[in-house]
Amino acid sequence: MQPRNMSMSGVVDLAAVKAAGEAKAKAEQARAESARQGGSGAGAAAAGAVPPSALVIDVDEAGFERDVLQLSNEVPVVLDFWAEWCEPCKQLSPLLERLTVEAAGRVVLAKIDVDANQMLMQQFGIQGIPAVFAVVAGQVLPLFQGVVPEQQIRETLAQLVQVAEERFGLIGLQVDPGGEGAPAAAGAAAPPAGPYDALLEAAVVALDAGDLGGAVQAYKNVLADDPANMEAKLGLAQAELLSRVQHMNPQAVREAAAANPRDPQAQIAAADLDLVGGHVEDAFGRLVDTVRVTAGDERDAVRVRLLELFEVIGADDPRVSAARTALARVLF
């Protein structure tokens, strides 16, 4: 079921919330581009559910930006630098591949043959292999070098996933459990609960009637049973945003933000208004700048609101990808 256009009479429509046809067209375009390039990297992964075998990819210098940097705006990408002659690599690489598949889309493993990609090896300053790095929202993080115990790798990947989700809102890729490379399972997984057409329709009706509280609750009811329901996620993010700005005095909010550039709450309120008015990049830029000049709980409050606004726009929007990268530069 595709997301609906959930505008509400009496409130400026969110120009950045994409209609169903646009989302479908972009997905089909991504699939076509991936097929044309004959690859199974970032293009294929971004198009929708991917088979488990697509979570482990071979990457070279020519495809690094597409298959690693761009993909890292959707899911953490672990880099495994290896070579055919490297005996420790033959121990580590299969372990990384198995743990990546087990992670079920929360990370992707990109394997880089150093003999065929000397420039990448130099750019990462690698002195010995195996060497393992991660890329999150375009930012490189060193993980470990050499063969390490499986438990340590599990803990490292868990921390990586946590950082990616909590700081940047990266929830990973949707994986087809029955696709190529799926591990053997004792029994079939239960299908998602649903359908939710009636609840989702009720939420849209509530939005159009100005009953924001009713819309929020309807979307939450869907997500309680089906946390991955994208229409409910998008709808909830929009309904909560509209609830926040409903009783704002725009002039007073903007004057407060201009007079207090380091005040997190003033900037958060102004960013909400920016987004409702369709000024997406202004909203994102305002909050990234506020993260830069704040610390502690105040910084975290701004970061969380920025992630919430990402939900309103959608992960596949290039403005979200650019803002994630900007946020990563500030946080790291």
C-alpha atoms as a PDB file:
ATOM      1  CA  MET A   1       0.000   0.000   0.000  1.00  0.00           C
ATOM      2  CA  GLN A   2       1.531   3.345  -1.056  1.00  0.00           C
ATOM      3  CA  PRO A   3       1.664   6.446   1.175  1.00  0.00           C
ATOM      4  CA  ARG A   4      -1.191   8.850   0.598  1.00  0.00           C
ATOM      5  CA  ASN A   5      -0.915  12.608   0.207  1.00  0.00           C
ATOM      6  CA  MET A   6      -2.026  13.579   3.720  1.00  0.00           C
ATOM      7  CA  SER A   7      -2.543  17.336   3.447  1.00  0.00           C
ATOM      8  CA  MET A   8      -4.888  19.004   5.894  1.00  0.00           C
ATOM      9  CA  SER A   9      -7.220  21.896   5.091  1.00  0.00           C
ATOM     10  CA  GLY A  10      -6.238  25.068   6.942  1.00  0.00           C
ATOM     11  CA  VAL A  11      -2.539  24.140   7.132  1.00  0.00           C
ATOM     12  CA  VAL A  12       0.117  24.685   4.472  1.00  0.00           C
ATOM     13  CA  ASP A  13       0.725  21.407   2.659  1.00  0.00           C
ATOM     14  CA  LEU A  14       4.090  19.713   3.130  1.00  0.00           C
ATOM     15  CA  ALA A  15       5.603  20.129  -0.306  1.00  0.00           C
ATOM     16  CA  ALA A  16       8.362  17.695   0.552  1.00  0.00           C
ATOM     17  CA  VAL A  17       6.067  14.745   1.333  1.00  0.00           C
ATOM     18  CA  LYS A  18       6.076  12.684  -1.825  1.00  0.00           C
ATOM     19  CA  ALA A  19       2.932  11.259  -3.372  1.00  0.00           C
ATOM     20  CA  ALA A  20       2.570   7.560  -4.050  1.00  0.00           C
ATOM     21  CA  GLY A  21       3.110   7.818  -7.773  1.00  0.00           C
ATOM     22  CA  GLU A  22       6.361   9.718  -7.360  1.00  0.00           C
ATOM     23  CA  ALA A  23       7.709   7.216  -4.847  1.00  0.00           C
ATOM     24  CA  LYS A  24       6.816   4.314  -7.117  1.00  0.00           C
ATOM     25  CA  ALA A  25       8.408   5.995 -10.126  1.00  0.00           C
ATOM     26  CA  LYS A  26      11.641   6.621  -8.237  1.00  0.00           C
ATOM     27  CA  ALA A  27      11.795   3.023  -7.069  1.00  0.00           C
ATOM     28  CA  GLU A  28      11.243   1.757 -10.597  1.00  0.00           C
ATOM     29  CA  GLN A  29      13.896   4.129 -11.907  1.00  0.00           C
ATOM     30  CA  ALA A  30      16.389   2.853  -9.318  1.00  0.00           C
ATOM     31  CA  ARG A  31      15.666  -0.744 -10.290  1.00  0.00           C
ATOM     32  CA  ALA A  32      16.091   0.070 -13.978  1.00  0.00           C
ATOM     33  CA  GLU A  33      19.381   1.850 -13.335  1.00  0.00           C
ATOM     34  CA  SER A  34      20.682  -1.083 -11.309  1.00  0.00           C
ATOM     35  CA  ALA A  35      19.705  -3.534 -14.034  1.00  0.00           C
ATOM     36  CA  ARG A  36      21.339  -1.348 -16.699  1.00  0.00           C
ATOM     37  CA  GLN A  37      24.583  -1.236 -14.700  1.00  0.00           C
ATOM     38  CA  GLY A  38      24.402  -4.952 -13.996  1.00  0.00           C
ATOM     39  CA  GLY A  39      25.271  -4.384 -10.359  1.00  0.00           C
ATOM     40  CA  SER A  40      23.897  -5.579  -7.038  1.00  0.00           C
ATOM     41  CA  GLY A  41      25.248  -2.775  -4.920  1.00  0.00           C
ATOM     42  CA  ALA A  42      23.692   0.504  -3.851  1.00  0.00           C
ATOM     43  CA  GLY A  43      21.266   0.807  -6.758  1.00  0.00           C
ATOM     44  CA  ALA A  44      19.746  -2.592  -6.131  1.00  0.00           C
ATOM     45  CA  ALA A  45      19.709  -2.166  -2.384  1.00  0.00           C
ATOM     46  CA  ALA A  46      17.916   1.176  -2.524  1.00  0.00           C
ATOM     47  CA  ALA A  47      15.105  -0.104  -4.747  1.00  0.00           C
ATOM     48  CA  GLY A  48      13.289  -2.105  -2.077  1.00  0.00           C
ATOM     49  CA  ALA A  49      13.589  -5.470  -0.403  1.00  0.00           C
ATOM     50  CA  VAL A  50      16.874  -7.175  -1.223  1.00  0.00           C
ATOM     51  CA  PRO A  51      17.897 -10.838  -0.987  1.00  0.00           C
ATOM     52  CA  PRO A  52      20.385 -11.698   1.775  1.00  0.00           C
ATOM     53  CA  SER A  53      23.047 -12.344  -0.871  1.00  0.00           C
ATOM     54  CA  ALA A  54      22.925  -8.635  -1.817  1.00  0.00           C
ATOM     55  CA  LEU A  55      24.103  -7.678   1.681  1.00  0.00           C
ATOM     56  CA  VAL A  56      27.643  -8.791   0.781  1.00  0.00           C
ATOM     57  CA  ILE A  57      29.061  -6.997  -2.251  1.00  0.00           C
ATOM     58  CA  ASP A  58      32.387  -6.665  -4.048  1.00  0.00           C
ATOM     59  CA  VAL A  59      33.429  -3.041  -4.458  1.00  0.00           C
ATOM     60  CA  ASP A  60      36.130  -1.436  -6.599  1.00  0.00           C
ATOM     61  CA  GLU A  61      37.462   2.089  -6.976  1.00  0.00           C
ATOM     62  CA  ALA A  62      35.117   2.948  -9.836  1.00  0.00           C
ATOM     63  CA  GLY A  63      31.986   1.994  -7.888  1.00  0.00           C
ATOM     64  CA  PHE A  64      33.058   3.147  -4.436  1.00  0.00           C
ATOM     65  CA  GLU A  65      31.012   6.347  -4.406  1.00  0.00           C
ATOM     66  CA  ARG A  66      27.847   4.619  -5.645  1.00  0.00           C
ATOM     67  CA  ASP A  67      28.146   1.340  -3.762  1.00  0.00           C
ATOM     68  CA  VAL A  68      29.551   2.655  -0.485  1.00  0.00           C
ATOM     69  CA  LEU A  69      29.218   6.404   0.026  1.00  0.00           C
ATOM     70  CA  GLN A  70      25.686   6.733  -1.338  1.00  0.00           C
ATOM     71  CA  LEU A  71      24.517   3.514   0.272  1.00  0.00           C
ATOM     72  CA  SER A  72      25.881   4.649   3.643  1.00  0.00           C
ATOM     73  CA  ASN A  73      23.048   7.190   3.812  1.00  0.00           C
ATOM     74  CA  GLU A  74      20.638   4.257   4.112  1.00  0.00           C
ATOM     75  CA  VAL A  75      22.603   1.622   6.036  1.00  0.00           C
ATOM     76  CA  PRO A  76      26.047   1.334   7.703  1.00  0.00           C
ATOM     77  CA  VAL A  77      28.546  -0.140   5.228  1.00  0.00           C
ATOM     78  CA  VAL A  78      31.345  -2.296   6.662  1.00  0.00           C
ATOM     79  CA  LEU A  79      34.513  -2.390   4.544  1.00  0.00           C
ATOM     80  CA  ASP A  80      36.580  -5.595   4.486  1.00  0.00           C
ATOM     81  CA  PHE A  81      40.007  -4.988   2.935  1.00  0.00           C
ATOM     82  CA  TRP A  82      41.422  -8.372   1.926  1.00  0.00           C
ATOM     83  CA  ALA A  83      43.611 -10.208  -0.578  1.00  0.00           C
ATOM     84  CA  GLU A  84      43.690 -13.708  -2.018  1.00  0.00           C
ATOM     85  CA  TRP A  85      47.144 -14.411  -0.575  1.00  0.00           C
ATOM     86  CA  CYS A  86      46.180 -13.264   2.957  1.00  0.00           C
ATOM     87  CA  GLU A  87      45.619 -16.306   5.178  1.00  0.00           C
ATOM     88  CA  PRO A  88      44.081 -14.314   8.105  1.00  0.00           C
ATOM     89  CA  CYS A  89      41.644 -12.813   5.594  1.00  0.00           C
ATOM     90  CA  LYS A  90      40.405 -16.313   4.791  1.00  0.00           C
ATOM     91  CA  GLN A  91      39.468 -16.689   8.459  1.00  0.00           C
ATOM     92  CA  LEU A  92      37.891 -13.270   8.937  1.00  0.00           C
ATOM     93  CA  SER A  93      35.984 -12.716   5.696  1.00  0.00           C
ATOM     94  CA  PRO A  94      33.604 -15.708   5.985  1.00  0.00           C
ATOM     95  CA  LEU A  95      32.837 -14.689   9.577  1.00  0.00           C
ATOM     96  CA  LEU A  96      32.033 -11.126   8.517  1.00  0.00           C
ATOM     97  CA  GLU A  97      29.822 -12.430   5.714  1.00  0.00           C
ATOM     98  CA  ARG A  98      27.876 -14.707   8.070  1.00  0.00           C
ATOM     99  CA  LEU A  99      27.367 -11.988  10.697  1.00  0.00           C
ATOM    100  CA  THR A 100      26.267  -9.532   7.997  1.00  0.00           C
ATOM    101  CA  VAL A 101      23.569 -11.903   6.750  1.00  0.00           C
ATOM    102  CA  GLU A 102      22.481 -12.555  10.335  1.00  0.00           C
ATOM    103  CA  ALA A 103      22.130  -8.796  10.866  1.00  0.00           C
ATOM    104  CA  ALA A 104      19.250  -8.906   8.347  1.00  0.00           C
ATOM    105  CA  GLY A 105      19.804  -5.597   6.583  1.00  0.00           C
ATOM    106  CA  ARG A 106      21.122  -3.521   9.475  1.00  0.00           C
ATOM    107  CA  VAL A 107      24.593  -3.513   7.867  1.00  0.00           C
ATOM    108  CA  VAL A 108      26.044  -4.201   4.433  1.00  0.00           C
ATOM    109  CA  LEU A 109      29.496  -5.731   3.891  1.00  0.00           C
ATOM    110  CA  ALA A 110      31.618  -4.315   1.069  1.00  0.00           C
ATOM    111  CA  LYS A 111      34.638  -6.486   0.199  1.00  0.00           C
ATOM    112  CA  ILE A 112      37.636  -4.694  -1.324  1.00  0.00           C
ATOM    113  CA  ASP A 113      40.515  -6.627  -2.900  1.00  0.00           C
ATOM    114  CA  VAL A 114      43.578  -4.508  -2.086  1.00  0.00           C
ATOM    115  CA  ASP A 115      45.607  -5.955  -4.971  1.00  0.00           C
ATOM    116  CA  ALA A 116      43.062  -4.659  -7.466  1.00  0.00           C
ATOM    117  CA  ASN A 117      42.338  -1.402  -5.588  1.00  0.00           C
ATOM    118  CA  GLN A 118      45.662   0.037  -4.488  1.00  0.00           C
ATOM    119  CA  MET A 119      44.370   3.606  -4.513  1.00  0.00           C
ATOM    120  CA  LEU A 120      41.644   2.822  -1.987  1.00  0.00           C
ATOM    121  CA  MET A 121      44.184   1.055   0.208  1.00  0.00           C
ATOM    122  CA  GLN A 122      46.381   4.169   0.173  1.00  0.00           C
ATOM    123  CA  GLN A 123      43.477   6.533   0.790  1.00  0.00           C
ATOM    124  CA  PHE A 124      42.496   4.586   3.913  1.00  0.00           C
ATOM    125  CA  GLY A 125      46.099   4.484   5.114  1.00  0.00           C
ATOM    126  CA  ILE A 126      46.069   0.708   5.469  1.00  0.00           C
ATOM    127  CA  GLN A 127      49.365  -0.790   6.653  1.00  0.00           C
ATOM    128  CA  GLY A 128      48.234  -4.399   6.923  1.00  0.00           C
ATOM    129  CA  ILE A 129      45.296  -6.666   6.190  1.00  0.00           C
ATOM    130  CA  PRO A 130      42.713  -7.744   7.020  1.00  0.00           C
ATOM    131  CA  ALA A 131      41.548  -4.260   7.935  1.00  0.00           C
ATOM    132  CA  VAL A 132      37.932  -3.392   8.678  1.00  0.00           C
ATOM    133  CA  PHE A 133      36.302   0.044   8.514  1.00  0.00           C
ATOM    134  CA  ALA A 134      32.738   1.338   8.466  1.00  0.00           C
ATOM    135  CA  VAL A 135      31.102   4.170   6.553  1.00  0.00           C
ATOM    136  CA  VAL A 136      28.055   5.839   8.127  1.00  0.00           C
ATOM    137  CA  ALA A 137      26.346   8.768   6.389  1.00  0.00           C
ATOM    138  CA  GLY A 138      29.483   9.306   4.330  1.00  0.00           C
ATOM    139  CA  GLN A 139      31.797   9.317   7.358  1.00  0.00           C
ATOM    140  CA  VAL A 140      34.598   6.747   7.740  1.00  0.00           C
ATOM    141  CA  LEU A 141      35.096   4.953  11.064  1.00  0.00           C
ATOM    142  CA  PRO A 142      37.989   2.520  11.718  1.00  0.00           C
ATOM    143  CA  LEU A 143      36.754  -0.667  13.398  1.00  0.00           C
ATOM    144  CA  PHE A 144      39.630  -3.136  13.809  1.00  0.00           C
ATOM    145  CA  GLN A 145      42.616  -4.735  12.108  1.00  0.00           C
ATOM    146  CA  GLY A 146      43.554  -8.399  11.988  1.00  0.00           C
ATOM    147  CA  VAL A 147      41.518 -11.406  13.069  1.00  0.00           C
ATOM    148  CA  VAL A 148      39.477 -10.771  16.229  1.00  0.00           C
ATOM    149  CA  PRO A 149      37.117 -13.056  18.192  1.00  0.00           C
ATOM    150  CA  GLU A 150      33.562 -13.475  16.919  1.00  0.00           C
ATOM    151  CA  GLN A 151      32.046 -12.042  20.093  1.00  0.00           C
ATOM    152  CA  GLN A 152      34.108  -8.876  19.733  1.00  0.00           C
ATOM    153  CA  ILE A 153      32.933  -8.486  16.141  1.00  0.00           C
ATOM    154  CA  ARG A 154      29.317  -8.971  17.203  1.00  0.00           C
ATOM    155  CA  GLU A 155      29.707  -6.269  19.862  1.00  0.00           C
ATOM    156  CA  THR A 156      31.373  -3.917  17.386  1.00  0.00           C
ATOM    157  CA  LEU A 157      28.606  -4.375  14.814  1.00  0.00           C
ATOM    158  CA  ALA A 158      25.941  -3.902  17.494  1.00  0.00           C
ATOM    159  CA  GLN A 159      27.538  -0.600  18.527  1.00  0.00           C
ATOM    160  CA  LEU A 160      27.770   0.457  14.884  1.00  0.00           C
ATOM    161  CA  VAL A 161      24.080  -0.274  14.303  1.00  0.00           C
ATOM    162  CA  GLN A 162      23.137   1.589  17.479  1.00  0.00           C
ATOM    163  CA  VAL A 163      25.130   4.681  16.518  1.00  0.00           C
ATOM    164  CA  ALA A 164      23.706   4.652  12.987  1.00  0.00           C
ATOM    165  CA  GLU A 165      20.124   4.398  14.234  1.00  0.00           C
ATOM    166  CA  GLU A 166      20.283   6.729  17.234  1.00  0.00           C
ATOM    167  CA  ARG A 167      22.421   9.474  15.695  1.00  0.00           C
ATOM    168  CA  PHE A 168      21.349   9.365  12.083  1.00  0.00           C
ATOM    169  CA  GLY A 169      18.072   7.461  11.986  1.00  0.00           C
ATOM    170  CA  LEU A 170      19.484   4.778   9.673  1.00  0.00           C
ATOM    171  CA  ILE A 171      17.310   1.705  10.066  1.00  0.00           C
ATOM    172  CA  GLY A 172      18.915  -0.339   7.310  1.00  0.00           C
ATOM    173  CA  LEU A 173      17.545  -2.193   4.322  1.00  0.00           C
ATOM    174  CA  GLN A 174      14.446  -4.327   3.985  1.00  0.00           C
ATOM    175  CA  VAL A 175      15.519  -7.928   3.365  1.00  0.00           C
ATOM    176  CA  ASP A 176      13.541 -10.603   1.568  1.00  0.00           C
ATOM    177  CA  PRO A 177      13.803 -13.560   3.985  1.00  0.00           C
ATOM    178  CA  GLY A 178      13.134 -16.014   1.178  1.00  0.00           C
ATOM    179  CA  GLY A 179      15.671 -14.511  -1.204  1.00  0.00           C
ATOM    180  CA  GLU A 180      18.953 -15.943  -2.420  1.00  0.00           C
ATOM    181  CA  GLY A 181      21.458 -16.450   0.381  1.00  0.00           C
ATOM    182  CA  ALA A 182      18.868 -16.685   3.163  1.00  0.00           C
ATOM    183  CA  PRO A 183      20.028 -18.832   6.089  1.00  0.00           C
ATOM    184  CA  ALA A 184      18.105 -22.009   6.795  1.00  0.00           C
ATOM    185  CA  ALA A 185      15.335 -21.454   9.356  1.00  0.00           C
ATOM    186  CA  ALA A 186      13.601 -23.876  11.674  1.00  0.00           C
ATOM    187  CA  GLY A 187      10.180 -22.579  10.693  1.00  0.00           C
ATOM    188  CA  ALA A 188       8.538 -19.955   8.547  1.00  0.00           C
ATOM    189  CA  ALA A 189       8.267 -16.476   9.980  1.00  0.00           C
ATOM    190  CA  ALA A 190       4.806 -15.217  10.809  1.00  0.00           C
ATOM    191  CA  PRO A 191       3.433 -12.798   8.191  1.00  0.00           C
ATOM    192  CA  PRO A 192       2.932  -9.166   9.210  1.00  0.00           C
ATOM    193  CA  ALA A 193      -0.342  -8.453  10.932  1.00  0.00           C
ATOM    194  CA  GLY A 194      -2.935  -6.561   8.964  1.00  0.00           C
ATOM    195  CA  PRO A 195      -4.420  -5.328   6.758  1.00  0.00           C
ATOM    196  CA  TYR A 196      -4.690  -1.805   8.125  1.00  0.00           C
ATOM    197  CA  ASP A 197      -6.587  -0.045   5.349  1.00  0.00           C
ATOM    198  CA  ALA A 198      -9.457   0.941   7.645  1.00  0.00           C
ATOM    199  CA  LEU A 199      -7.176   2.397  10.336  1.00  0.00           C
ATOM    200  CA  LEU A 200      -5.036   4.227   7.806  1.00  0.00           C
ATOM    201  CA  GLU A 201      -8.112   5.640   6.073  1.00  0.00           C
ATOM    202  CA  ALA A 202      -9.475   6.766   9.442  1.00  0.00           C
ATOM    203  CA  ALA A 203      -6.198   8.574  10.115  1.00  0.00           C
ATOM    204  CA  VAL A 204      -6.408  10.435   6.799  1.00  0.00           C
ATOM    205  CA  VAL A 205     -10.022  11.422   7.500  1.00  0.00           C
ATOM    206  CA  ALA A 206      -8.972  12.677  10.940  1.00  0.00           C
ATOM    207  CA  LEU A 207      -6.176  14.731   9.391  1.00  0.00           C
ATOM    208  CA  ASP A 208      -8.517  16.328   6.878  1.00  0.00           C
ATOM    209  CA  ALA A 209     -10.972  17.113   9.689  1.00  0.00           C
ATOM    210  CA  GLY A 210      -8.278  18.741  11.813  1.00  0.00           C
ATOM    211  CA  ASP A 211      -8.404  15.990  14.449  1.00  0.00           C
ATOM    212  CA  LEU A 212      -4.649  15.670  14.802  1.00  0.00           C
ATOM    213  CA  GLY A 213      -4.866  13.757  18.077  1.00  0.00           C
ATOM    214  CA  GLY A 214      -7.112  11.166  16.462  1.00  0.00           C
ATOM    215  CA  ALA A 215      -4.776  10.830  13.481  1.00  0.00           C
ATOM    216  CA  VAL A 216      -1.724  10.389  15.729  1.00  0.00           C
ATOM    217  CA  GLN A 217      -3.477   7.669  17.722  1.00  0.00           C
ATOM    218  CA  ALA A 218      -4.655   5.841  14.590  1.00  0.00           C
ATOM    219  CA  TYR A 219      -1.145   5.717  13.191  1.00  0.00           C
ATOM    220  CA  LYS A 220       0.253   4.582  16.544  1.00  0.00           C
ATOM    221  CA  ASN A 221      -2.302   1.773  16.619  1.00  0.00           C
ATOM    222  CA  VAL A 222      -1.015   0.502  13.285  1.00  0.00           C
ATOM    223  CA  LEU A 223       2.633   0.756  14.325  1.00  0.00           C
ATOM    224  CA  ALA A 224       1.953  -1.086  17.571  1.00  0.00           C
ATOM    225  CA  ASP A 225       1.201  -4.205  15.521  1.00  0.00           C
ATOM    226  CA  ASP A 226       3.357  -3.487  12.474  1.00  0.00           C
ATOM    227  CA  PRO A 227       6.372  -1.291  13.431  1.00  0.00           C
ATOM    228  CA  ALA A 228       7.713  -1.387   9.866  1.00  0.00           C
ATOM    229  CA  ASN A 229       4.553  -0.004   8.225  1.00  0.00           C
ATOM    230  CA  MET A 230       5.975   2.841   6.143  1.00  0.00           C
ATOM    231  CA  GLU A 231       2.645   4.569   5.482  1.00  0.00           C
ATOM    232  CA  ALA A 232       1.931   4.743   9.201  1.00  0.00           C
ATOM    233  CA  LYS A 233       5.455   6.008   9.938  1.00  0.00           C
ATOM    234  CA  LEU A 234       5.142   8.766   7.368  1.00  0.00           C
ATOM    235  CA  GLY A 235       1.647   9.655   8.518  1.00  0.00           C
ATOM    236  CA  LEU A 236       2.603   9.758  12.189  1.00  0.00           C
ATOM    237  CA  ALA A 237       5.599  11.995  11.503  1.00  0.00           C
ATOM    238  CA  GLN A 238       3.427  14.430   9.559  1.00  0.00           C
ATOM    239  CA  ALA A 239       0.567  14.404  12.066  1.00  0.00           C
ATOM    240  CA  GLU A 240       2.931  15.066  14.971  1.00  0.00           C
ATOM    241  CA  LEU A 241       4.582  17.905  13.053  1.00  0.00           C
ATOM    242  CA  LEU A 242       1.229  19.513  12.288  1.00  0.00           C
ATOM    243  CA  SER A 243       0.246  19.143  15.939  1.00  0.00           C
ATOM    244  CA  ARG A 244       3.353  21.024  17.023  1.00  0.00           C
ATOM    245  CA  VAL A 245       2.844  23.969  14.674  1.00  0.00           C
ATOM    246  CA  GLN A 246      -0.959  24.179  14.944  1.00  0.00           C
ATOM    247  CA  HIS A 247      -1.038  26.860  17.630  1.00  0.00           C
ATOM    248  CA  MET A 248       2.275  28.589  16.903  1.00  0.00           C
ATOM    249  CA  ASN A 249       2.536  32.301  16.205  1.00  0.00           C
ATOM    250  CA  PRO A 250       4.863  32.210  13.167  1.00  0.00           C
ATOM    251  CA  GLN A 251       6.081  35.779  13.571  1.00  0.00           C
ATOM    252  CA  ALA A 252       6.884  35.317  17.254  1.00  0.00           C
ATOM    253  CA  VAL A 253       8.631  31.997  16.624  1.00  0.00           C
ATOM    254  CA  ARG A 254      10.838  33.433  13.894  1.00  0.00           C
ATOM    255  CA  GLU A 255      11.678  36.526  15.910  1.00  0.00           C
ATOM    256  CA  ALA A 256      12.704  34.324  18.855  1.00  0.00           C
ATOM    257  CA  ALA A 257      14.886  32.173  16.609  1.00  0.00           C
ATOM    258  CA  ALA A 258      16.586  35.202  15.079  1.00  0.00           C
ATOM    259  CA  ALA A 259      17.242  36.745  18.503  1.00  0.00           C
ATOM    260  CA  ASN A 260      18.505  33.485  20.057  1.00  0.00           C
ATOM    261  CA  PRO A 261      20.579  31.562  17.492  1.00  0.00           C
ATOM    262  CA  ARG A 262      21.954  29.230  20.190  1.00  0.00           C
ATOM    263  CA  ASP A 263      18.611  28.491  21.847  1.00  0.00           C
ATOM    264  CA  PRO A 264      17.749  24.873  20.925  1.00  0.00           C
ATOM    265  CA  GLN A 265      13.999  25.163  21.540  1.00  0.00           C
ATOM    266  CA  ALA A 266      13.726  28.387  19.541  1.00  0.00           C
ATOM    267  CA  GLN A 267      15.547  26.811  16.599  1.00  0.00           C
ATOM    268  CA  ILE A 268      13.540  23.565  16.824  1.00  0.00           C
ATOM    269  CA  ALA A 269      10.269  25.497  16.670  1.00  0.00           C
ATOM    270  CA  ALA A 270      11.481  27.566  13.712  1.00  0.00           C
ATOM    271  CA  ALA A 271      12.622  24.403  11.899  1.00  0.00           C
ATOM    272  CA  ASP A 272       9.147  22.918  12.277  1.00  0.00           C
ATOM    273  CA  LEU A 273       7.680  26.016  10.654  1.00  0.00           C
ATOM    274  CA  ASP A 274      10.319  25.890   7.909  1.00  0.00           C
ATOM    275  CA  LEU A 275       9.336  22.335   7.024  1.00  0.00           C
ATOM    276  CA  VAL A 276       5.583  22.989   7.073  1.00  0.00           C
ATOM    277  CA  GLY A 277       6.223  25.899   4.713  1.00  0.00           C
ATOM    278  CA  GLY A 278       8.118  23.646   2.319  1.00  0.00           C
ATOM    279  CA  HIS A 279      11.560  25.082   3.171  1.00  0.00           C
ATOM    280  CA  VAL A 280      13.133  21.679   3.702  1.00  0.00           C
ATOM    281  CA  GLU A 281      16.794  22.593   3.308  1.00  0.00           C
ATOM    282  CA  ASP A 282      16.360  25.626   5.587  1.00  0.00           C
ATOM    283  CA  ALA A 283      14.860  23.410   8.302  1.00  0.00           C
ATOM    284  CA  PHE A 284      17.619  20.826   8.051  1.00  0.00           C
ATOM    285  CA  GLY A 285      20.392  23.430   7.869  1.00  0.00           C
ATOM    286  CA  ARG A 286      19.034  25.306  10.887  1.00  0.00           C
ATOM    287  CA  LEU A 287      19.100  22.167  13.044  1.00  0.00           C
ATOM    288  CA  VAL A 288      22.503  20.989  11.836  1.00  0.00           C
ATOM    289  CA  ASP A 289      23.901  24.420  12.708  1.00  0.00           C
ATOM    290  CA  THR A 290      22.252  24.223  16.133  1.00  0.00           C
ATOM    291  CA  VAL A 291      23.772  20.787  16.772  1.00  0.00           C
ATOM    292  CA  ARG A 292      27.146  22.337  15.991  1.00  0.00           C
ATOM    293  CA  VAL A 293      26.845  25.013  18.708  1.00  0.00           C
ATOM    294  CA  THR A 294      25.184  22.946  21.448  1.00  0.00           C
ATOM    295  CA  ALA A 295      26.229  20.072  23.701  1.00  0.00           C
ATOM    296  CA  GLY A 296      24.841  17.431  26.027  1.00  0.00           C
ATOM    297  CA  ASP A 297      21.084  17.081  26.402  1.00  0.00           C
ATOM    298  CA  GLU A 298      20.410  20.224  24.367  1.00  0.00           C
ATOM    299  CA  ARG A 299      22.374  18.877  21.402  1.00  0.00           C
ATOM    300  CA  ASP A 300      20.633  15.525  21.687  1.00  0.00           C
ATOM    301  CA  ALA A 301      17.183  17.166  21.655  1.00  0.00           C
ATOM    302  CA  VAL A 302      18.040  19.000  18.432  1.00  0.00           C
ATOM    303  CA  ARG A 303      19.484  15.853  16.838  1.00  0.00           C
ATOM    304  CA  VAL A 304      16.362  13.846  17.693  1.00  0.00           C
ATOM    305  CA  ARG A 305      14.074  16.492  16.183  1.00  0.00           C
ATOM    306  CA  LEU A 306      16.181  16.487  13.028  1.00  0.00           C
ATOM    307  CA  LEU A 307      15.753  12.717  12.743  1.00  0.00           C
ATOM    308  CA  GLU A 308      11.989  13.159  13.180  1.00  0.00           C
ATOM    309  CA  LEU A 309      11.929  15.652  10.321  1.00  0.00           C
ATOM    310  CA  PHE A 310      13.866  13.172   8.177  1.00  0.00           C
ATOM    311  CA  GLU A 311      10.936  10.781   8.734  1.00  0.00           C
ATOM    312  CA  VAL A 312       8.515  13.387   7.363  1.00  0.00           C
ATOM    313  CA  ILE A 313      10.455  13.785   4.122  1.00  0.00           C
ATOM    314  CA  GLY A 314      11.539  10.178   3.548  1.00  0.00           C
ATOM    315  CA  ALA A 315      14.914   8.453   3.498  1.00  0.00           C
ATOM    316  CA  ASP A 316      15.174   8.379  -0.313  1.00  0.00           C
ATOM    317  CA  ASP A 317      15.035  12.176  -0.685  1.00  0.00           C
ATOM    318  CA  PRO A 318      18.477  13.592  -1.644  1.00  0.00           C
ATOM    319  CA  ARG A 319      17.991  16.470   0.801  1.00  0.00           C
ATOM    320  CA  VAL A 320      17.781  13.955   3.633  1.00  0.00           C
ATOM    321  CA  SER A 321      20.962  12.233   2.440  1.00  0.00           C
ATOM    322  CA  ALA A 322      22.789  15.558   2.276  1.00  0.00           C
ATOM    323  CA  ALA A 323      21.590  16.535   5.751  1.00  0.00           C
ATOM    324  CA  ARG A 324      22.634  13.172   7.207  1.00  0.00           C
ATOM    325  CA  THR A 325      26.130  13.706   5.842  1.00  0.00           C
ATOM    326  CA  ALA A 326      26.238  17.237   7.277  1.00  0.00           C
ATOM    327  CA  LEU A 327      25.049  15.924  10.642  1.00  0.00           C
ATOM    328  CA  ALA A 328      27.742  13.236  10.606  1.00  0.00           C
ATOM    329  CA  ARG A 329      30.438  15.853  10.028  1.00  0.00           C
ATOM    330  CA  VAL A 330      29.205  17.809  13.045  1.00  0.00           C
ATOM    331  CA  LEU A 331      28.862  14.805  15.358  1.00  0.00           C
ATOM    332  CA  PHE A 332      32.168  13.230  14.424  1.00  0.00           C
END
